[in-house]
Amino acid sequence: MILEKTDIGFSAYAIAYPIFTTAQTMPKLINHAYEAAQLYFEKEKIAISHRQIIFEIDFAQFFQYYKVLNAKFLAEKIDMNPTLLSQYIQGHKKPGPNQTAKILNGIQQIGQELSELNLIYQR
């Protein structure tokens, strides 16, 4: 499903099926998209799992939504020229399949690292 930012939140739609939904936040959108897909395929008597739905978002919208992820930091982490990554994000250039995989792997690695952290605080 393709995810997009709208003026009032987010939308998701499937290219191959008449499935679409909207929500005000990304987590709600993803939940609504799963529900919409399950509802559509339920009519066809096909069970659908979360693993069968792939979400796609373009670079610019990804970095616009996930502002916590610094493009310069990501570029350094994946050993990519920061200017080149910036051009991908701004839509001036399109990354090829290898560059896209490299960027996605870097994002997933950062996500994995963050998910394994515990923050401490002092009283």
N, C-alpha and C. Protein backbone atom coordinates (compact mmCIF):
# COMPACT_ATOMS: atom_id res chain seq x y z
N MET A 1 0.84 -1.17 0.00
CA MET A 1 0.00 0.00 0.00
C MET A 1 0.89 1.24 0.00
N ILE A 2 0.47 2.23 -0.71
CA ILE A 2 1.20 3.49 -0.79
C ILE A 2 0.68 4.41 0.31
N LEU A 3 1.60 4.96 1.09
CA LEU A 3 1.25 5.90 2.15
C LEU A 3 1.57 7.31 1.69
N GLU A 4 0.68 8.25 1.99
CA GLU A 4 0.91 9.64 1.61
C GLU A 4 0.44 10.58 2.70
N LYS A 5 1.13 11.70 2.82
CA LYS A 5 0.73 12.77 3.73
C LYS A 5 -0.32 13.60 3.01
N THR A 6 -1.38 13.96 3.75
CA THR A 6 -2.43 14.82 3.19
C THR A 6 -2.53 16.08 4.05
N ASP A 7 -3.39 16.99 3.65
CA ASP A 7 -3.58 18.22 4.42
C ASP A 7 -4.15 17.96 5.81
N ILE A 8 -4.91 16.89 5.95
CA ILE A 8 -5.56 16.62 7.24
C ILE A 8 -5.03 15.38 7.95
N GLY A 9 -4.00 14.76 7.42
CA GLY A 9 -3.44 13.56 8.04
C GLY A 9 -2.70 12.73 7.03
N PHE A 10 -3.15 11.48 6.87
CA PHE A 10 -2.46 10.54 5.99
C PHE A 10 -3.48 9.70 5.23
N SER A 11 -3.07 9.18 4.08
CA SER A 11 -3.91 8.26 3.32
C SER A 11 -3.06 7.06 2.90
N ALA A 12 -3.76 5.95 2.65
CA ALA A 12 -3.11 4.75 2.15
C ALA A 12 -4.01 4.13 1.10
N TYR A 13 -3.40 3.62 0.04
CA TYR A 13 -4.20 2.96 -0.99
C TYR A 13 -3.38 1.84 -1.63
N ALA A 14 -4.11 0.83 -2.09
CA ALA A 14 -3.49 -0.29 -2.78
C ALA A 14 -3.54 -0.03 -4.28
N ILE A 15 -2.50 -0.42 -4.96
CA ILE A 15 -2.46 -0.22 -6.40
C ILE A 15 -3.28 -1.29 -7.12
N ALA A 16 -3.19 -2.51 -6.66
CA ALA A 16 -3.81 -3.63 -7.37
C ALA A 16 -5.25 -3.93 -6.93
N TYR A 17 -5.70 -3.33 -5.84
CA TYR A 17 -7.04 -3.62 -5.32
C TYR A 17 -7.74 -2.32 -4.93
N PRO A 18 -9.06 -2.31 -4.91
CA PRO A 18 -9.77 -1.09 -4.50
C PRO A 18 -9.82 -0.97 -2.97
N ILE A 19 -8.65 -0.79 -2.38
CA ILE A 19 -8.53 -0.67 -0.94
C ILE A 19 -7.88 0.68 -0.64
N PHE A 20 -8.52 1.46 0.22
CA PHE A 20 -7.96 2.76 0.60
C PHE A 20 -8.52 3.15 1.96
N THR A 21 -7.79 4.03 2.64
CA THR A 21 -8.21 4.50 3.95
C THR A 21 -7.47 5.78 4.29
N THR A 22 -7.94 6.45 5.33
CA THR A 22 -7.28 7.67 5.82
C THR A 22 -7.23 7.64 7.33
N ALA A 23 -6.40 8.49 7.90
CA ALA A 23 -6.31 8.65 9.36
C ALA A 23 -5.53 9.92 9.65
N GLN A 24 -5.62 10.37 10.89
CA GLN A 24 -4.91 11.59 11.28
C GLN A 24 -3.46 11.32 11.69
N THR A 25 -3.14 10.08 12.07
CA THR A 25 -1.77 9.75 12.45
C THR A 25 -1.29 8.53 11.67
N MET A 26 0.01 8.37 11.58
CA MET A 26 0.58 7.23 10.86
C MET A 26 0.23 5.90 11.53
N PRO A 27 0.36 5.76 12.85
CA PRO A 27 -0.01 4.47 13.46
C PRO A 27 -1.48 4.10 13.21
N LYS A 28 -2.38 5.09 13.30
CA LYS A 28 -3.79 4.81 13.03
C LYS A 28 -3.99 4.44 11.56
N LEU A 29 -3.27 5.10 10.67
CA LEU A 29 -3.38 4.79 9.24
C LEU A 29 -3.00 3.35 8.98
N ILE A 30 -1.91 2.91 9.55
CA ILE A 30 -1.46 1.54 9.33
C ILE A 30 -2.49 0.55 9.86
N ASN A 31 -3.05 0.81 11.04
CA ASN A 31 -4.10 -0.06 11.57
C ASN A 31 -5.33 -0.06 10.67
N HIS A 32 -5.74 1.13 10.20
CA HIS A 32 -6.89 1.22 9.30
C HIS A 32 -6.62 0.47 8.00
N ALA A 33 -5.40 0.54 7.50
CA ALA A 33 -5.06 -0.14 6.26
C ALA A 33 -5.16 -1.65 6.42
N TYR A 34 -4.67 -2.17 7.54
CA TYR A 34 -4.81 -3.61 7.81
C TYR A 34 -6.28 -4.00 7.86
N GLU A 35 -7.08 -3.21 8.56
CA GLU A 35 -8.51 -3.50 8.68
C GLU A 35 -9.20 -3.44 7.31
N ALA A 36 -8.87 -2.44 6.51
CA ALA A 36 -9.48 -2.30 5.19
C ALA A 36 -9.12 -3.49 4.29
N ALA A 37 -7.86 -3.92 4.33
CA ALA A 37 -7.44 -5.06 3.52
C ALA A 37 -8.13 -6.33 3.99
N GLN A 38 -8.20 -6.52 5.29
CA GLN A 38 -8.87 -7.72 5.82
C GLN A 38 -10.35 -7.72 5.44
N LEU A 39 -10.98 -6.58 5.51
CA LEU A 39 -12.39 -6.47 5.15
C LEU A 39 -12.59 -6.79 3.66
N TYR A 40 -11.75 -6.23 2.81
CA TYR A 40 -11.86 -6.49 1.38
C TYR A 40 -11.69 -7.98 1.07
N PHE A 41 -10.65 -8.59 1.60
CA PHE A 41 -10.38 -9.99 1.29
C PHE A 41 -11.32 -10.95 2.02
N GLU A 42 -11.94 -10.48 3.09
CA GLU A 42 -12.94 -11.29 3.78
C GLU A 42 -14.11 -11.59 2.84
N LYS A 43 -14.50 -10.60 2.05
CA LYS A 43 -15.57 -10.79 1.06
C LYS A 43 -15.19 -11.85 0.03
N GLU A 44 -13.89 -11.93 -0.25
CA GLU A 44 -13.38 -12.92 -1.21
C GLU A 44 -13.08 -14.26 -0.53
N LYS A 45 -13.34 -14.32 0.78
CA LYS A 45 -13.07 -15.51 1.60
C LYS A 45 -11.58 -15.88 1.59
N ILE A 46 -10.74 -14.83 1.67
CA ILE A 46 -9.28 -15.00 1.72
C ILE A 46 -8.79 -14.40 3.03
N ALA A 47 -8.06 -15.20 3.79
CA ALA A 47 -7.49 -14.69 5.05
C ALA A 47 -6.21 -13.94 4.72
N ILE A 48 -6.07 -12.76 5.28
CA ILE A 48 -4.90 -11.91 5.01
C ILE A 48 -4.16 -11.69 6.33
N SER A 49 -2.84 -11.73 6.29
CA SER A 49 -2.05 -11.46 7.50
C SER A 49 -1.28 -10.16 7.33
N HIS A 50 -0.79 -9.64 8.44
CA HIS A 50 -0.02 -8.39 8.40
C HIS A 50 1.23 -8.53 7.54
N ARG A 51 1.78 -9.71 7.48
CA ARG A 51 3.00 -9.92 6.70
C ARG A 51 2.78 -9.82 5.19
N GLN A 52 1.53 -9.91 4.77
CA GLN A 52 1.23 -9.87 3.35
C GLN A 52 1.03 -8.44 2.84
N ILE A 53 1.01 -7.49 3.74
CA ILE A 53 0.80 -6.10 3.33
C ILE A 53 2.12 -5.34 3.48
N ILE A 54 2.55 -4.74 2.41
CA ILE A 54 3.79 -3.98 2.41
C ILE A 54 3.43 -2.51 2.26
N PHE A 55 4.00 -1.66 3.11
CA PHE A 55 3.73 -0.23 3.05
C PHE A 55 4.92 0.47 2.40
N GLU A 56 4.60 1.40 1.50
CA GLU A 56 5.64 2.17 0.82
C GLU A 56 5.34 3.66 0.99
N ILE A 57 6.41 4.42 1.18
CA ILE A 57 6.31 5.87 1.31
C ILE A 57 7.52 6.47 0.61
N ASP A 58 7.35 7.59 -0.06
CA ASP A 58 8.50 8.16 -0.76
C ASP A 58 9.46 8.82 0.23
N PHE A 59 10.68 9.05 -0.22
CA PHE A 59 11.73 9.56 0.64
C PHE A 59 11.35 10.88 1.30
N ALA A 60 10.85 11.81 0.50
CA ALA A 60 10.54 13.14 1.04
C ALA A 60 9.49 13.05 2.14
N GLN A 61 8.44 12.28 1.92
CA GLN A 61 7.39 12.16 2.93
C GLN A 61 7.88 11.41 4.16
N PHE A 62 8.74 10.41 3.94
CA PHE A 62 9.29 9.67 5.07
C PHE A 62 10.07 10.60 5.99
N PHE A 63 10.98 11.39 5.42
CA PHE A 63 11.81 12.27 6.24
C PHE A 63 11.01 13.46 6.78
N GLN A 64 9.93 13.83 6.10
CA GLN A 64 9.07 14.89 6.60
C GLN A 64 8.32 14.41 7.84
N TYR A 65 7.87 13.17 7.83
CA TYR A 65 7.12 12.63 8.97
C TYR A 65 8.06 12.23 10.11
N TYR A 66 9.12 11.51 9.78
CA TYR A 66 10.05 11.03 10.81
C TYR A 66 11.20 12.03 10.96
N LYS A 67 10.88 13.20 11.46
CA LYS A 67 11.86 14.27 11.61
C LYS A 67 12.95 13.92 12.62
N VAL A 68 12.69 12.96 13.45
CA VAL A 68 13.68 12.55 14.44
C VAL A 68 14.90 11.91 13.77
N LEU A 69 14.73 11.42 12.54
CA LEU A 69 15.83 10.80 11.82
C LEU A 69 16.54 11.86 10.99
N ASN A 70 17.75 12.16 11.34
CA ASN A 70 18.55 13.18 10.67
C ASN A 70 19.19 12.58 9.42
N ALA A 71 18.94 13.22 8.28
CA ALA A 71 19.45 12.70 7.01
C ALA A 71 20.98 12.67 6.98
N LYS A 72 21.62 13.66 7.55
CA LYS A 72 23.09 13.69 7.56
C LYS A 72 23.63 12.53 8.40
N PHE A 73 22.99 12.28 9.54
CA PHE A 73 23.41 11.16 10.39
C PHE A 73 23.23 9.84 9.64
N LEU A 74 22.10 9.68 8.97
CA LEU A 74 21.84 8.45 8.22
C LEU A 74 22.87 8.27 7.11
N ALA A 75 23.17 9.35 6.39
CA ALA A 75 24.14 9.27 5.30
C ALA A 75 25.50 8.81 5.82
N GLU A 76 25.91 9.35 6.95
CA GLU A 76 27.19 8.95 7.53
C GLU A 76 27.14 7.49 7.97
N LYS A 77 26.02 7.08 8.54
CA LYS A 77 25.88 5.71 9.04
C LYS A 77 25.97 4.69 7.91
N ILE A 78 25.42 5.03 6.74
CA ILE A 78 25.41 4.08 5.63
C ILE A 78 26.51 4.36 4.61
N ASP A 79 27.41 5.27 4.97
CA ASP A 79 28.54 5.62 4.11
C ASP A 79 28.07 6.12 2.73
N MET A 80 27.17 7.11 2.79
CA MET A 80 26.66 7.72 1.56
C MET A 80 26.94 9.22 1.64
N ASN A 81 27.17 9.81 0.52
CA ASN A 81 27.38 11.24 0.46
C ASN A 81 26.11 11.94 0.95
N PRO A 82 26.20 12.80 1.98
CA PRO A 82 25.00 13.48 2.50
C PRO A 82 24.27 14.32 1.45
N THR A 83 25.02 14.92 0.52
CA THR A 83 24.39 15.71 -0.54
C THR A 83 23.55 14.82 -1.45
N LEU A 84 24.05 13.63 -1.75
CA LEU A 84 23.32 12.70 -2.59
C LEU A 84 22.03 12.26 -1.90
N LEU A 85 22.12 11.91 -0.62
CA LEU A 85 20.92 11.51 0.12
C LEU A 85 19.92 12.67 0.16
N SER A 86 20.40 13.88 0.36
CA SER A 86 19.54 15.06 0.36
C SER A 86 18.82 15.22 -0.98
N GLN A 87 19.53 14.94 -2.08
CA GLN A 87 18.91 15.04 -3.40
C GLN A 87 17.81 13.99 -3.58
N TYR A 88 18.02 12.80 -3.01
CA TYR A 88 16.97 11.78 -3.04
C TYR A 88 15.76 12.24 -2.25
N ILE A 89 16.01 12.77 -1.06
CA ILE A 89 14.93 13.20 -0.17
C ILE A 89 14.12 14.33 -0.80
N GLN A 90 14.79 15.26 -1.46
CA GLN A 90 14.11 16.40 -2.06
C GLN A 90 13.48 16.07 -3.41
N GLY A 91 13.74 14.86 -3.91
CA GLY A 91 13.15 14.45 -5.18
C GLY A 91 13.90 14.92 -6.41
N HIS A 92 15.11 15.47 -6.23
CA HIS A 92 15.91 15.93 -7.36
C HIS A 92 16.53 14.76 -8.12
N LYS A 93 16.76 13.66 -7.41
CA LYS A 93 17.29 12.44 -8.01
C LYS A 93 16.49 11.27 -7.45
N LYS A 94 16.46 10.18 -8.22
CA LYS A 94 15.80 8.96 -7.75
C LYS A 94 16.87 7.90 -7.50
N PRO A 95 16.83 7.28 -6.32
CA PRO A 95 17.81 6.23 -6.05
C PRO A 95 17.46 4.95 -6.82
N GLY A 96 18.49 4.24 -7.22
CA GLY A 96 18.28 2.94 -7.86
C GLY A 96 17.96 1.89 -6.81
N PRO A 97 17.71 0.68 -7.24
CA PRO A 97 17.36 -0.39 -6.29
C PRO A 97 18.43 -0.64 -5.23
N ASN A 98 19.71 -0.60 -5.60
CA ASN A 98 20.77 -0.84 -4.62
C ASN A 98 20.86 0.28 -3.59
N GLN A 99 20.74 1.52 -4.07
CA GLN A 99 20.78 2.66 -3.15
C GLN A 99 19.56 2.65 -2.23
N THR A 100 18.40 2.32 -2.77
CA THR A 100 17.19 2.25 -1.96
C THR A 100 17.35 1.20 -0.87
N ALA A 101 17.88 0.03 -1.23
CA ALA A 101 18.10 -1.04 -0.24
C ALA A 101 19.10 -0.59 0.82
N LYS A 102 20.14 0.10 0.42
CA LYS A 102 21.15 0.60 1.35
C LYS A 102 20.53 1.58 2.35
N ILE A 103 19.70 2.49 1.85
CA ILE A 103 19.05 3.48 2.71
C ILE A 103 18.08 2.79 3.66
N LEU A 104 17.26 1.89 3.13
CA LEU A 104 16.29 1.19 3.97
C LEU A 104 16.98 0.34 5.03
N ASN A 105 18.06 -0.33 4.66
CA ASN A 105 18.81 -1.12 5.65
C ASN A 105 19.35 -0.22 6.76
N GLY A 106 19.83 0.96 6.39
CA GLY A 106 20.34 1.89 7.40
C GLY A 106 19.23 2.36 8.33
N ILE A 107 18.07 2.66 7.78
CA ILE A 107 16.93 3.09 8.60
C ILE A 107 16.51 1.97 9.54
N GLN A 108 16.45 0.74 9.02
CA GLN A 108 16.06 -0.39 9.84
C GLN A 108 17.09 -0.67 10.93
N GLN A 109 18.36 -0.50 10.61
CA GLN A 109 19.41 -0.70 11.61
C GLN A 109 19.27 0.31 12.74
N ILE A 110 19.02 1.58 12.40
CA ILE A 110 18.83 2.61 13.42
C ILE A 110 17.60 2.27 14.27
N GLY A 111 16.52 1.84 13.62
CA GLY A 111 15.32 1.45 14.35
C GLY A 111 15.59 0.30 15.30
N GLN A 112 16.35 -0.69 14.85
CA GLN A 112 16.70 -1.83 15.70
C GLN A 112 17.53 -1.38 16.89
N GLU A 113 18.51 -0.52 16.64
CA GLU A 113 19.34 -0.01 17.72
C GLU A 113 18.49 0.74 18.75
N LEU A 114 17.59 1.60 18.27
CA LEU A 114 16.74 2.37 19.18
C LEU A 114 15.81 1.46 19.98
N SER A 115 15.30 0.42 19.35
CA SER A 115 14.36 -0.47 20.04
C SER A 115 15.04 -1.28 21.13
N GLU A 116 16.36 -1.40 21.07
CA GLU A 116 17.09 -2.18 22.07
C GLU A 116 17.62 -1.34 23.22
N LEU A 117 17.41 -0.03 23.16
CA LEU A 117 17.91 0.87 24.22
C LEU A 117 16.94 0.98 25.38
N ASN A 118 17.51 1.16 26.53
CA ASN A 118 16.75 1.55 27.72
C ASN A 118 17.36 2.86 28.20
N LEU A 119 16.53 3.84 28.46
CA LEU A 119 17.03 5.12 28.94
C LEU A 119 17.08 5.11 30.46
N ILE A 120 18.11 5.74 31.00
CA ILE A 120 18.23 5.86 32.45
C ILE A 120 18.08 7.32 32.82
N TYR A 121 17.73 7.55 34.03
CA TYR A 121 17.59 8.91 34.51
C TYR A 121 18.07 8.96 35.95
N GLN A 122 18.48 10.12 36.36
CA GLN A 122 18.94 10.32 37.73
C GLN A 122 17.91 11.12 38.47
N ARG A 123 17.76 10.79 39.75
CA ARG A 123 16.80 11.52 40.57
C ARG A 123 17.46 12.65 41.28
